[in-house]
Amino acid sequence: MIQHHLDEAEGIIIVTPQGPSAAGDFEALRDEVDPFIERVGALRGLLIQAEAFPGWDGLAGLTAHLRFVRDHHRLIRRVAVVSDSAVLSHLPQLASHFVAAEVRHFPEAEREGAFDWVRSA
């Protein structure tokens, strides 16, 4: 399950995974950000807050995630991953091969710095 909040004033979507991601999570995320992107042209950023890598709720969840990334990675300028998870700290290196957005990892203690970095895009 993914909780999300669109800060329209900043143009930033904040995503907090609460457990394995299902296909419906990415549909709800798309329904939230797509109208904003149509009005403004892009998101300034995506801030992911996660204690650990939650995985996906089956193949449908993974497929929906990959589809969301494919359809939106050129429409999001920066992605900040805020986590103390060792696995998630490697996400920027992996993502750099697949997405146009600039991706950085921040430890949980630097959450405000992550938000500032995304905001400065």
PDB file of N, CA and C in Angstrom:
ATOM      1  N   MET A   1       0.840  -1.182   0.000  1.00  0.00           N
ATOM      2  CA  MET A   1       0.000   0.000   0.000  1.00  0.00           C
ATOM      3  C   MET A   1       0.883   1.242   0.000  1.00  0.00           C
ATOM      4  N   ILE A   2       0.468   2.230  -0.773  1.00  0.00           N
ATOM      5  CA  ILE A   2       1.204   3.487  -0.873  1.00  0.00           C
ATOM      6  C   ILE A   2       0.293   4.629  -0.442  1.00  0.00           C
ATOM      7  N   GLN A   3       0.772   5.442   0.503  1.00  0.00           N
ATOM      8  CA  GLN A   3       0.094   6.689   0.813  1.00  0.00           C
ATOM      9  C   GLN A   3       0.786   7.781   0.015  1.00  0.00           C
ATOM     10  N   HIS A   4       0.019   8.747  -0.466  1.00  0.00           N
ATOM     11  CA  HIS A   4       0.632   9.832  -1.217  1.00  0.00           C
ATOM     12  C   HIS A   4      -0.111  11.133  -0.961  1.00  0.00           C
ATOM     13  N   HIS A   5       0.640  12.218  -1.145  1.00  0.00           N
ATOM     14  CA  HIS A   5       0.086  13.556  -0.975  1.00  0.00           C
ATOM     15  C   HIS A   5       0.742  14.463  -2.017  1.00  0.00           C
ATOM     16  N   LEU A   6      -0.069  15.143  -2.793  1.00  0.00           N
ATOM     17  CA  LEU A   6       0.433  16.092  -3.784  1.00  0.00           C
ATOM     18  C   LEU A   6       0.433  17.489  -3.179  1.00  0.00           C
ATOM     19  N   ASP A   7       1.610  18.063  -3.047  1.00  0.00           N
ATOM     20  CA  ASP A   7       1.758  19.446  -2.606  1.00  0.00           C
ATOM     21  C   ASP A   7       1.737  20.297  -3.878  1.00  0.00           C
ATOM     22  N   GLU A   8       0.559  20.766  -4.235  1.00  0.00           N
ATOM     23  CA  GLU A   8       0.405  21.496  -5.498  1.00  0.00           C
ATOM     24  C   GLU A   8       1.165  22.813  -5.501  1.00  0.00           C
ATOM     25  N   ALA A   9       1.282  23.455  -4.349  1.00  0.00           N
ATOM     26  CA  ALA A   9       2.004  24.730  -4.282  1.00  0.00           C
ATOM     27  C   ALA A   9       3.474  24.543  -4.646  1.00  0.00           C
ATOM     28  N   GLU A  10       4.054  23.409  -4.255  1.00  0.00           N
ATOM     29  CA  GLU A  10       5.463  23.135  -4.523  1.00  0.00           C
ATOM     30  C   GLU A  10       5.663  22.281  -5.780  1.00  0.00           C
ATOM     31  N   GLY A  11       4.601  21.625  -6.243  1.00  0.00           N
ATOM     32  CA  GLY A  11       4.738  20.733  -7.396  1.00  0.00           C
ATOM     33  C   GLY A  11       5.486  19.460  -7.041  1.00  0.00           C
ATOM     34  N   ILE A  12       5.247  18.965  -5.814  1.00  0.00           N
ATOM     35  CA  ILE A  12       5.956  17.788  -5.318  1.00  0.00           C
ATOM     36  C   ILE A  12       4.947  16.757  -4.822  1.00  0.00           C
ATOM     37  N   ILE A  13       5.137  15.518  -5.240  1.00  0.00           N
ATOM     38  CA  ILE A  13       4.325  14.421  -4.729  1.00  0.00           C
ATOM     39  C   ILE A  13       5.150  13.693  -3.672  1.00  0.00           C
ATOM     40  N   ILE A  14       4.554  13.478  -2.517  1.00  0.00           N
ATOM     41  CA  ILE A  14       5.215  12.790  -1.409  1.00  0.00           C
ATOM     42  C   ILE A  14       4.580  11.411  -1.298  1.00  0.00           C
ATOM     43  N   VAL A  15       5.413  10.383  -1.389  1.00  0.00           N
ATOM     44  CA  VAL A  15       4.942   8.999  -1.408  1.00  0.00           C
ATOM     45  C   VAL A  15       5.532   8.269  -0.208  1.00  0.00           C
ATOM     46  N   THR A  16       4.670   7.560   0.524  1.00  0.00           N
ATOM     47  CA  THR A  16       5.106   6.797   1.684  1.00  0.00           C
ATOM     48  C   THR A  16       4.567   5.376   1.572  1.00  0.00           C
ATOM     49  N   PRO A  17       5.409   4.423   1.169  1.00  0.00           N
ATOM     50  CA  PRO A  17       4.965   3.030   1.119  1.00  0.00           C
ATOM     51  C   PRO A  17       4.688   2.514   2.532  1.00  0.00           C
ATOM     52  N   GLN A  18       3.564   1.843   2.696  1.00  0.00           N
ATOM     53  CA  GLN A  18       3.182   1.268   3.984  1.00  0.00           C
ATOM     54  C   GLN A  18       3.238  -0.261   3.970  1.00  0.00           C
ATOM     55  N   GLY A  19       3.570  -0.816   2.834  1.00  0.00           N
ATOM     56  CA  GLY A  19       3.630  -2.256   2.657  1.00  0.00           C
ATOM     57  C   GLY A  19       3.785  -2.531   1.179  1.00  0.00           C
ATOM     58  N   PRO A  20       3.705  -3.785   0.776  1.00  0.00           N
ATOM     59  CA  PRO A  20       3.853  -4.120  -0.644  1.00  0.00           C
ATOM     60  C   PRO A  20       2.891  -3.318  -1.522  1.00  0.00           C
ATOM     61  N   SER A  21       3.402  -2.825  -2.643  1.00  0.00           N
ATOM     62  CA  SER A  21       2.631  -1.985  -3.551  1.00  0.00           C
ATOM     63  C   SER A  21       1.772  -2.833  -4.478  1.00  0.00           C
ATOM     64  N   ALA A  22       0.508  -2.452  -4.591  1.00  0.00           N
ATOM     65  CA  ALA A  22      -0.439  -3.144  -5.470  1.00  0.00           C
ATOM     66  C   ALA A  22      -0.671  -2.298  -6.721  1.00  0.00           C
ATOM     67  N   ALA A  23      -1.216  -2.914  -7.739  1.00  0.00           N
ATOM     68  CA  ALA A  23      -1.501  -2.205  -8.992  1.00  0.00           C
ATOM     69  C   ALA A  23      -2.390  -0.992  -8.741  1.00  0.00           C
ATOM     70  N   GLY A  24      -3.369  -1.121  -7.883  1.00  0.00           N
ATOM     71  CA  GLY A  24      -4.280  -0.021  -7.587  1.00  0.00           C
ATOM     72  C   GLY A  24      -3.596   1.187  -6.971  1.00  0.00           C
ATOM     73  N   ASP A  25      -2.492   0.953  -6.267  1.00  0.00           N
ATOM     74  CA  ASP A  25      -1.738   2.067  -5.685  1.00  0.00           C
ATOM     75  C   ASP A  25      -1.203   2.984  -6.772  1.00  0.00           C
ATOM     76  N   PHE A  26      -0.698   2.398  -7.846  1.00  0.00           N
ATOM     77  CA  PHE A  26      -0.123   3.205  -8.921  1.00  0.00           C
ATOM     78  C   PHE A  26      -1.204   3.848  -9.774  1.00  0.00           C
ATOM     79  N   GLU A  27      -2.367   3.213  -9.850  1.00  0.00           N
ATOM     80  CA  GLU A  27      -3.498   3.841 -10.540  1.00  0.00           C
ATOM     81  C   GLU A  27      -3.960   5.077  -9.764  1.00  0.00           C
ATOM     82  N   ALA A  28      -4.036   4.964  -8.432  1.00  0.00           N
ATOM     83  CA  ALA A  28      -4.429   6.106  -7.603  1.00  0.00           C
ATOM     84  C   ALA A  28      -3.386   7.222  -7.690  1.00  0.00           C
ATOM     85  N   LEU A  29      -2.125   6.850  -7.712  1.00  0.00           N
ATOM     86  CA  LEU A  29      -1.049   7.834  -7.843  1.00  0.00           C
ATOM     87  C   LEU A  29      -1.146   8.561  -9.182  1.00  0.00           C
ATOM     88  N   ARG A  30      -1.368   7.800 -10.244  1.00  0.00           N
ATOM     89  CA  ARG A  30      -1.529   8.389 -11.580  1.00  0.00           C
ATOM     90  C   ARG A  30      -2.737   9.331 -11.615  1.00  0.00           C
ATOM     91  N   ASP A  31      -3.841   8.912 -11.011  1.00  0.00           N
ATOM     92  CA  ASP A  31      -5.041   9.750 -10.993  1.00  0.00           C
ATOM     93  C   ASP A  31      -4.811  11.060 -10.248  1.00  0.00           C
ATOM     94  N   GLU A  32      -3.890  11.048  -9.291  1.00  0.00           N
ATOM     95  CA  GLU A  32      -3.559  12.261  -8.537  1.00  0.00           C
ATOM     96  C   GLU A  32      -2.635  13.186  -9.324  1.00  0.00           C
ATOM     97  N   VAL A  33      -1.581  12.628  -9.928  1.00  0.00           N
ATOM     98  CA  VAL A  33      -0.558  13.493 -10.544  1.00  0.00           C
ATOM     99  C   VAL A  33      -0.853  13.870 -11.992  1.00  0.00           C
ATOM    100  N   ASP A  34      -1.527  13.027 -12.736  1.00  0.00           N
ATOM    101  CA  ASP A  34      -1.733  13.326 -14.156  1.00  0.00           C
ATOM    102  C   ASP A  34      -2.501  14.628 -14.409  1.00  0.00           C
ATOM    103  N   PRO A  35      -3.592  14.913 -13.694  1.00  0.00           N
ATOM    104  CA  PRO A  35      -4.264  16.201 -13.926  1.00  0.00           C
ATOM    105  C   PRO A  35      -3.359  17.394 -13.605  1.00  0.00           C
ATOM    106  N   PHE A  36      -2.547  17.274 -12.555  1.00  0.00           N
ATOM    107  CA  PHE A  36      -1.605  18.347 -12.213  1.00  0.00           C
ATOM    108  C   PHE A  36      -0.584  18.532 -13.327  1.00  0.00           C
ATOM    109  N   ILE A  37      -0.027  17.437 -13.820  1.00  0.00           N
ATOM    110  CA  ILE A  37       0.963  17.504 -14.901  1.00  0.00           C
ATOM    111  C   ILE A  37       0.341  18.101 -16.156  1.00  0.00           C
ATOM    112  N   GLU A  38      -0.908  17.761 -16.452  1.00  0.00           N
ATOM    113  CA  GLU A  38      -1.580  18.345 -17.619  1.00  0.00           C
ATOM    114  C   GLU A  38      -1.707  19.857 -17.489  1.00  0.00           C
ATOM    115  N   ARG A  39      -1.958  20.346 -16.278  1.00  0.00           N
ATOM    116  CA  ARG A  39      -2.099  21.792 -16.056  1.00  0.00           C
ATOM    117  C   ARG A  39      -0.759  22.516 -16.061  1.00  0.00           C
ATOM    118  N   VAL A  40       0.263  21.905 -15.442  1.00  0.00           N
ATOM    119  CA  VAL A  40       1.524  22.603 -15.192  1.00  0.00           C
ATOM    120  C   VAL A  40       2.639  22.169 -16.138  1.00  0.00           C
ATOM    121  N   GLY A  41       2.595  20.951 -16.612  1.00  0.00           N
ATOM    122  CA  GLY A  41       3.612  20.457 -17.536  1.00  0.00           C
ATOM    123  C   GLY A  41       4.539  19.417 -16.955  1.00  0.00           C
ATOM    124  N   ALA A  42       4.786  19.468 -15.636  1.00  0.00           N
ATOM    125  CA  ALA A  42       5.681  18.502 -14.991  1.00  0.00           C
ATOM    126  C   ALA A  42       5.556  18.651 -13.486  1.00  0.00           C
ATOM    127  N   LEU A  43       6.071  17.678 -12.795  1.00  0.00           N
ATOM    128  CA  LEU A  43       6.225  17.770 -11.346  1.00  0.00           C
ATOM    129  C   LEU A  43       7.640  18.241 -11.052  1.00  0.00           C
ATOM    130  N   ARG A  44       7.771  19.091 -10.082  1.00  0.00           N
ATOM    131  CA  ARG A  44       9.106  19.500  -9.660  1.00  0.00           C
ATOM    132  C   ARG A  44       9.832  18.286  -9.080  1.00  0.00           C
ATOM    133  N   GLY A  45       9.090  17.467  -8.337  1.00  0.00           N
ATOM    134  CA  GLY A  45       9.765  16.317  -7.776  1.00  0.00           C
ATOM    135  C   GLY A  45       8.861  15.308  -7.113  1.00  0.00           C
ATOM    136  N   LEU A  46       9.502  14.217  -6.750  1.00  0.00           N
ATOM    137  CA  LEU A  46       8.904  13.105  -6.044  1.00  0.00           C
ATOM    138  C   LEU A  46       9.771  12.853  -4.830  1.00  0.00           C
ATOM    139  N   LEU A  47       9.153  12.824  -3.652  1.00  0.00           N
ATOM    140  CA  LEU A  47       9.864  12.521  -2.422  1.00  0.00           C
ATOM    141  C   LEU A  47       9.320  11.198  -1.906  1.00  0.00           C
ATOM    142  N   ILE A  48      10.181  10.194  -1.844  1.00  0.00           N
ATOM    143  CA  ILE A  48       9.788   8.863  -1.363  1.00  0.00           C
ATOM    144  C   ILE A  48      10.328   8.704   0.045  1.00  0.00           C
ATOM    145  N   GLN A  49       9.446   8.469   1.004  1.00  0.00           N
ATOM    146  CA  GLN A  49       9.833   8.231   2.397  1.00  0.00           C
ATOM    147  C   GLN A  49       9.553   6.773   2.710  1.00  0.00           C
ATOM    148  N   ALA A  50      10.577   6.002   3.000  1.00  0.00           N
ATOM    149  CA  ALA A  50      10.364   4.573   3.251  1.00  0.00           C
ATOM    150  C   ALA A  50      11.338   4.064   4.306  1.00  0.00           C
ATOM    151  N   GLU A  51      10.809   3.355   5.283  1.00  0.00           N
ATOM    152  CA  GLU A  51      11.679   2.739   6.284  1.00  0.00           C
ATOM    153  C   GLU A  51      12.482   1.600   5.680  1.00  0.00           C
ATOM    154  N   ALA A  52      11.846   0.872   4.770  1.00  0.00           N
ATOM    155  CA  ALA A  52      12.487  -0.278   4.132  1.00  0.00           C
ATOM    156  C   ALA A  52      11.870  -0.462   2.751  1.00  0.00           C
ATOM    157  N   PHE A  53      12.498  -1.291   1.946  1.00  0.00           N
ATOM    158  CA  PHE A  53      11.945  -1.603   0.632  1.00  0.00           C
ATOM    159  C   PHE A  53      10.757  -2.539   0.820  1.00  0.00           C
ATOM    160  N   PRO A  54       9.539  -2.085   0.483  1.00  0.00           N
ATOM    161  CA  PRO A  54       8.348  -2.875   0.776  1.00  0.00           C
ATOM    162  C   PRO A  54       8.015  -3.949  -0.261  1.00  0.00           C
ATOM    163  N   GLY A  55       8.587  -3.868  -1.443  1.00  0.00           N
ATOM    164  CA  GLY A  55       8.271  -4.845  -2.485  1.00  0.00           C
ATOM    165  C   GLY A  55       6.921  -4.579  -3.121  1.00  0.00           C
ATOM    166  N   TRP A  56       6.441  -5.569  -3.839  1.00  0.00           N
ATOM    167  CA  TRP A  56       5.186  -5.439  -4.579  1.00  0.00           C
ATOM    168  C   TRP A  56       4.236  -6.546  -4.187  1.00  0.00           C
ATOM    169  N   ASP A  57       2.966  -6.275  -4.351  1.00  0.00           N
ATOM    170  CA  ASP A  57       1.924  -7.259  -4.092  1.00  0.00           C
ATOM    171  C   ASP A  57       1.681  -8.036  -5.377  1.00  0.00           C
ATOM    172  N   GLY A  58       2.617  -8.907  -5.715  1.00  0.00           N
ATOM    173  CA  GLY A  58       2.490  -9.753  -6.889  1.00  0.00           C
ATOM    174  C   GLY A  58       3.000  -9.092  -8.162  1.00  0.00           C
ATOM    175  N   LEU A  59       2.895  -9.832  -9.233  1.00  0.00           N
ATOM    176  CA  LEU A  59       3.363  -9.380 -10.541  1.00  0.00           C
ATOM    177  C   LEU A  59       2.587  -8.158 -11.028  1.00  0.00           C
ATOM    178  N   ALA A  60       1.304  -8.088 -10.704  1.00  0.00           N
ATOM    179  CA  ALA A  60       0.502  -6.937 -11.131  1.00  0.00           C
ATOM    180  C   ALA A  60       1.013  -5.650 -10.497  1.00  0.00           C
ATOM    181  N   GLY A  61       1.444  -5.702  -9.253  1.00  0.00           N
ATOM    182  CA  GLY A  61       1.997  -4.521  -8.588  1.00  0.00           C
ATOM    183  C   GLY A  61       3.299  -4.085  -9.226  1.00  0.00           C
ATOM    184  N   LEU A  62       4.170  -5.047  -9.521  1.00  0.00           N
ATOM    185  CA  LEU A  62       5.444  -4.734 -10.182  1.00  0.00           C
ATOM    186  C   LEU A  62       5.203  -4.145 -11.564  1.00  0.00           C
ATOM    187  N   THR A  63       4.317  -4.738 -12.324  1.00  0.00           N
ATOM    188  CA  THR A  63       4.018  -4.266 -13.675  1.00  0.00           C
ATOM    189  C   THR A  63       3.441  -2.849 -13.644  1.00  0.00           C
ATOM    190  N   ALA A  64       2.534  -2.587 -12.711  1.00  0.00           N
ATOM    191  CA  ALA A  64       1.951  -1.243 -12.601  1.00  0.00           C
ATOM    192  C   ALA A  64       3.019  -0.217 -12.218  1.00  0.00           C
ATOM    193  N   HIS A  65       3.949  -0.612 -11.352  1.00  0.00           N
ATOM    194  CA  HIS A  65       5.039   0.283 -10.961  1.00  0.00           C
ATOM    195  C   HIS A  65       5.911   0.615 -12.167  1.00  0.00           C
ATOM    196  N   LEU A  66       6.311  -0.393 -12.904  1.00  0.00           N
ATOM    197  CA  LEU A  66       7.153  -0.173 -14.080  1.00  0.00           C
ATOM    198  C   LEU A  66       6.442   0.693 -15.119  1.00  0.00           C
ATOM    199  N   ARG A  67       5.162   0.484 -15.293  1.00  0.00           N
ATOM    200  CA  ARG A  67       4.376   1.290 -16.232  1.00  0.00           C
ATOM    201  C   ARG A  67       4.316   2.752 -15.771  1.00  0.00           C
ATOM    202  N   PHE A  68       4.127   2.961 -14.460  1.00  0.00           N
ATOM    203  CA  PHE A  68       4.100   4.329 -13.937  1.00  0.00           C
ATOM    204  C   PHE A  68       5.437   5.021 -14.184  1.00  0.00           C
ATOM    205  N   VAL A  69       6.537   4.331 -13.907  1.00  0.00           N
ATOM    206  CA  VAL A  69       7.870   4.902 -14.134  1.00  0.00           C
ATOM    207  C   VAL A  69       8.055   5.221 -15.613  1.00  0.00           C
ATOM    208  N   ARG A  70       7.711   4.285 -16.475  1.00  0.00           N
ATOM    209  CA  ARG A  70       7.861   4.497 -17.925  1.00  0.00           C
ATOM    210  C   ARG A  70       7.090   5.725 -18.395  1.00  0.00           C
ATOM    211  N   ASP A  71       5.889   5.896 -17.893  1.00  0.00           N
ATOM    212  CA  ASP A  71       5.021   6.976 -18.366  1.00  0.00           C
ATOM    213  C   ASP A  71       5.321   8.333 -17.731  1.00  0.00           C
ATOM    214  N   HIS A  72       6.043   8.350 -16.608  1.00  0.00           N
ATOM    215  CA  HIS A  72       6.210   9.604 -15.874  1.00  0.00           C
ATOM    216  C   HIS A  72       7.655  10.055 -15.654  1.00  0.00           C
ATOM    217  N   HIS A  73       8.643   9.232 -15.936  1.00  0.00           N
ATOM    218  CA  HIS A  73      10.003   9.589 -15.543  1.00  0.00           C
ATOM    219  C   HIS A  73      10.528  10.844 -16.244  1.00  0.00           C
ATOM    220  N   ARG A  74       9.984  11.208 -17.372  1.00  0.00           N
ATOM    221  CA  ARG A  74      10.415  12.439 -18.041  1.00  0.00           C
ATOM    222  C   ARG A  74       9.602  13.656 -17.581  1.00  0.00           C
ATOM    223  N   LEU A  75       8.608  13.416 -16.747  1.00  0.00           N
ATOM    224  CA  LEU A  75       7.724  14.482 -16.283  1.00  0.00           C
ATOM    225  C   LEU A  75       7.976  14.849 -14.825  1.00  0.00           C
ATOM    226  N   ILE A  76       9.003  14.248 -14.241  1.00  0.00           N
ATOM    227  CA  ILE A  76       9.386  14.514 -12.849  1.00  0.00           C
ATOM    228  C   ILE A  76      10.861  14.886 -12.867  1.00  0.00           C
ATOM    229  N   ARG A  77      11.185  16.085 -12.375  1.00  0.00           N
ATOM    230  CA  ARG A  77      12.564  16.573 -12.474  1.00  0.00           C
ATOM    231  C   ARG A  77      13.517  15.907 -11.492  1.00  0.00           C
ATOM    232  N   ARG A  78      13.091  15.777 -10.243  1.00  0.00           N
ATOM    233  CA  ARG A  78      13.971  15.212  -9.210  1.00  0.00           C
ATOM    234  C   ARG A  78      13.222  14.209  -8.355  1.00  0.00           C
ATOM    235  N   VAL A  79      13.951  13.180  -7.914  1.00  0.00           N
ATOM    236  CA  VAL A  79      13.410  12.173  -7.014  1.00  0.00           C
ATOM    237  C   VAL A  79      14.349  12.068  -5.821  1.00  0.00           C
ATOM    238  N   ALA A  80      13.807  12.255  -4.627  1.00  0.00           N
ATOM    239  CA  ALA A  80      14.573  12.085  -3.394  1.00  0.00           C
ATOM    240  C   ALA A  80      14.052  10.846  -2.679  1.00  0.00           C
ATOM    241  N   VAL A  81      14.964   9.955  -2.341  1.00  0.00           N
ATOM    242  CA  VAL A  81      14.625   8.750  -1.583  1.00  0.00           C
ATOM    243  C   VAL A  81      15.116   8.980  -0.159  1.00  0.00           C
ATOM    244  N   VAL A  82      14.186   9.088   0.763  1.00  0.00           N
ATOM    245  CA  VAL A  82      14.519   9.346   2.160  1.00  0.00           C
ATOM    246  C   VAL A  82      14.341   8.050   2.932  1.00  0.00           C
ATOM    247  N   SER A  83      15.462   7.481   3.359  1.00  0.00           N
ATOM    248  CA  SER A  83      15.404   6.190   4.042  1.00  0.00           C
ATOM    249  C   SER A  83      16.753   5.858   4.670  1.00  0.00           C
ATOM    250  N   ASP A  84      16.697   5.141   5.759  1.00  0.00           N
ATOM    251  CA  ASP A  84      17.916   4.608   6.365  1.00  0.00           C
ATOM    252  C   ASP A  84      18.169   3.172   5.910  1.00  0.00           C
ATOM    253  N   SER A  85      17.352   2.671   5.008  1.00  0.00           N
ATOM    254  CA  SER A  85      17.501   1.315   4.480  1.00  0.00           C
ATOM    255  C   SER A  85      18.722   1.218   3.572  1.00  0.00           C
ATOM    256  N   ALA A  86      19.565   0.222   3.822  1.00  0.00           N
ATOM    257  CA  ALA A  86      20.751   0.012   2.976  1.00  0.00           C
ATOM    258  C   ALA A  86      20.338  -0.311   1.542  1.00  0.00           C
ATOM    259  N   VAL A  87      19.280  -1.070   1.378  1.00  0.00           N
ATOM    260  CA  VAL A  87      18.806  -1.434   0.036  1.00  0.00           C
ATOM    261  C   VAL A  87      18.385  -0.180  -0.724  1.00  0.00           C
ATOM    262  N   LEU A  88      17.594   0.671  -0.091  1.00  0.00           N
ATOM    263  CA  LEU A  88      17.093   1.866  -0.773  1.00  0.00           C
ATOM    264  C   LEU A  88      18.186   2.912  -0.995  1.00  0.00           C
ATOM    265  N   SER A  89      19.267   2.845  -0.249  1.00  0.00           N
ATOM    266  CA  SER A  89      20.354   3.796  -0.469  1.00  0.00           C
ATOM    267  C   SER A  89      21.026   3.579  -1.824  1.00  0.00           C
ATOM    268  N   HIS A  90      20.846   2.395  -2.412  1.00  0.00           N
ATOM    269  CA  HIS A  90      21.432   2.088  -3.725  1.00  0.00           C
ATOM    270  C   HIS A  90      20.485   2.408  -4.878  1.00  0.00           C
ATOM    271  N   LEU A  91      19.264   2.816  -4.575  1.00  0.00           N
ATOM    272  CA  LEU A  91      18.270   3.096  -5.618  1.00  0.00           C
ATOM    273  C   LEU A  91      18.729   4.157  -6.622  1.00  0.00           C
ATOM    274  N   PRO A  92      19.364   5.252  -6.200  1.00  0.00           N
ATOM    275  CA  PRO A  92      19.777   6.255  -7.199  1.00  0.00           C
ATOM    276  C   PRO A  92      20.705   5.696  -8.271  1.00  0.00           C
ATOM    277  N   GLN A  93      21.661   4.850  -7.899  1.00  0.00           N
ATOM    278  CA  GLN A  93      22.568   4.281  -8.903  1.00  0.00           C
ATOM    279  C   GLN A  93      21.799   3.398  -9.891  1.00  0.00           C
ATOM    280  N   LEU A  94      20.870   2.616  -9.384  1.00  0.00           N
ATOM    281  CA  LEU A  94      20.073   1.751 -10.249  1.00  0.00           C
ATOM    282  C   LEU A  94      19.145   2.585 -11.132  1.00  0.00           C
ATOM    283  N   ALA A  95      18.462   3.535 -10.535  1.00  0.00           N
ATOM    284  CA  ALA A  95      17.479   4.337 -11.269  1.00  0.00           C
ATOM    285  C   ALA A  95      18.120   5.179 -12.360  1.00  0.00           C
ATOM    286  N   SER A  96      19.360   5.596 -12.160  1.00  0.00           N
ATOM    287  CA  SER A  96      20.010   6.460 -13.149  1.00  0.00           C
ATOM    288  C   SER A  96      20.103   5.810 -14.530  1.00  0.00           C
ATOM    289  N   HIS A  97      20.016   4.496 -14.583  1.00  0.00           N
ATOM    290  CA  HIS A  97      20.056   3.785 -15.864  1.00  0.00           C
ATOM    291  C   HIS A  97      18.701   3.771 -16.575  1.00  0.00           C
ATOM    292  N   PHE A  98      17.626   4.119 -15.845  1.00  0.00           N
ATOM    293  CA  PHE A  98      16.287   3.938 -16.391  1.00  0.00           C
ATOM    294  C   PHE A  98      15.420   5.188 -16.424  1.00  0.00           C
ATOM    295  N   VAL A  99      15.803   6.226 -15.691  1.00  0.00           N
ATOM    296  CA  VAL A  99      14.933   7.395 -15.612  1.00  0.00           C
ATOM    297  C   VAL A  99      15.676   8.672 -15.980  1.00  0.00           C
ATOM    298  N   ALA A 100      14.924   9.642 -16.468  1.00  0.00           N
ATOM    299  CA  ALA A 100      15.504  10.928 -16.843  1.00  0.00           C
ATOM    300  C   ALA A 100      15.664  11.839 -15.622  1.00  0.00           C
ATOM    301  N   ALA A 101      14.878  11.615 -14.583  1.00  0.00           N
ATOM    302  CA  ALA A 101      14.936  12.453 -13.388  1.00  0.00           C
ATOM    303  C   ALA A 101      16.269  12.286 -12.673  1.00  0.00           C
ATOM    304  N   GLU A 102      16.677  13.346 -11.996  1.00  0.00           N
ATOM    305  CA  GLU A 102      17.850  13.283 -11.125  1.00  0.00           C
ATOM    306  C   GLU A 102      17.400  12.626  -9.818  1.00  0.00           C
ATOM    307  N   VAL A 103      18.110  11.598  -9.361  1.00  0.00           N
ATOM    308  CA  VAL A 103      17.701  10.827  -8.190  1.00  0.00           C
ATOM    309  C   VAL A 103      18.812  10.867  -7.144  1.00  0.00           C
ATOM    310  N   ARG A 104      18.437  11.159  -5.884  1.00  0.00           N
ATOM    311  CA  ARG A 104      19.395  11.174  -4.781  1.00  0.00           C
ATOM    312  C   ARG A 104      18.813  10.489  -3.557  1.00  0.00           C
ATOM    313  N   HIS A 105      19.684   9.894  -2.779  1.00  0.00           N
ATOM    314  CA  HIS A 105      19.306   9.278  -1.507  1.00  0.00           C
ATOM    315  C   HIS A 105      19.649  10.226  -0.364  1.00  0.00           C
ATOM    316  N   PHE A 106      18.776  10.275   0.635  1.00  0.00           N
ATOM    317  CA  PHE A 106      19.005  11.056   1.843  1.00  0.00           C
ATOM    318  C   PHE A 106      18.677  10.189   3.051  1.00  0.00           C
ATOM    319  N   PRO A 107      19.517  10.201   4.079  1.00  0.00           N
ATOM    320  CA  PRO A 107      19.158   9.507   5.321  1.00  0.00           C
ATOM    321  C   PRO A 107      17.926  10.172   5.944  1.00  0.00           C
ATOM    322  N   GLU A 108      17.206   9.431   6.757  1.00  0.00           N
ATOM    323  CA  GLU A 108      15.991   9.945   7.395  1.00  0.00           C
ATOM    324  C   GLU A 108      16.255  11.254   8.139  1.00  0.00           C
ATOM    325  N   ALA A 109      17.395  11.393   8.758  1.00  0.00           N
ATOM    326  CA  ALA A 109      17.718  12.610   9.517  1.00  0.00           C
ATOM    327  C   ALA A 109      17.824  13.841   8.617  1.00  0.00           C
ATOM    328  N   GLU A 110      17.945  13.649   7.316  1.00  0.00           N
ATOM    329  CA  GLU A 110      18.075  14.767   6.374  1.00  0.00           C
ATOM    330  C   GLU A 110      16.823  14.963   5.526  1.00  0.00           C
ATOM    331  N   ARG A 111      15.669  14.584   6.059  1.00  0.00           N
ATOM    332  CA  ARG A 111      14.415  14.683   5.315  1.00  0.00           C
ATOM    333  C   ARG A 111      14.146  16.106   4.830  1.00  0.00           C
ATOM    334  N   GLU A 112      14.343  17.097   5.690  1.00  0.00           N
ATOM    335  CA  GLU A 112      14.114  18.489   5.279  1.00  0.00           C
ATOM    336  C   GLU A 112      15.073  18.891   4.159  1.00  0.00           C
ATOM    337  N   GLY A 113      16.311  18.441   4.234  1.00  0.00           N
ATOM    338  CA  GLY A 113      17.272  18.714   3.166  1.00  0.00           C
ATOM    339  C   GLY A 113      16.835  18.089   1.855  1.00  0.00           C
ATOM    340  N   ALA A 114      16.241  16.904   1.942  1.00  0.00           N
ATOM    341  CA  ALA A 114      15.730  16.232   0.739  1.00  0.00           C
ATOM    342  C   ALA A 114      14.601  17.045   0.123  1.00  0.00           C
ATOM    343  N   PHE A 115      13.700  17.528   0.966  1.00  0.00           N
ATOM    344  CA  PHE A 115      12.585  18.338   0.469  1.00  0.00           C
ATOM    345  C   PHE A 115      13.107  19.623  -0.169  1.00  0.00           C
ATOM    346  N   ASP A 116      14.085  20.257   0.467  1.00  0.00           N
ATOM    347  CA  ASP A 116      14.677  21.478  -0.091  1.00  0.00           C
ATOM    348  C   ASP A 116      15.344  21.205  -1.441  1.00  0.00           C
ATOM    349  N   TRP A 117      16.042  20.061  -1.544  1.00  0.00           N
ATOM    350  CA  TRP A 117      16.710  19.709  -2.788  1.00  0.00           C
ATOM    351  C   TRP A 117      15.695  19.509  -3.912  1.00  0.00           C
ATOM    352  N   VAL A 118      14.611  18.805  -3.613  1.00  0.00           N
ATOM    353  CA  VAL A 118      13.565  18.584  -4.624  1.00  0.00           C
ATOM    354  C   VAL A 118      12.925  19.918  -4.996  1.00  0.00           C
ATOM    355  N   ARG A 119      12.653  20.736  -4.004  1.00  0.00           N
ATOM    356  CA  ARG A 119      12.010  22.032  -4.229  1.00  0.00           C
ATOM    357  C   ARG A 119      12.865  22.941  -5.121  1.00  0.00           C
ATOM    358  N   SER A 120      14.182  22.797  -5.061  1.00  0.00           N
ATOM    359  CA  SER A 120      15.068  23.689  -5.816  1.00  0.00           C
ATOM    360  C   SER A 120      15.191  23.319  -7.298  1.00  0.00           C
ATOM    361  N   ALA A 121      14.485  22.287  -7.721  1.00  0.00           N
ATOM    362  CA  ALA A 121      14.554  21.869  -9.134  1.00  0.00           C
ATOM    363  C   ALA A 121      13.965  22.929 -10.034  1.00  0.00           C
TER     364      ALA A 121
END
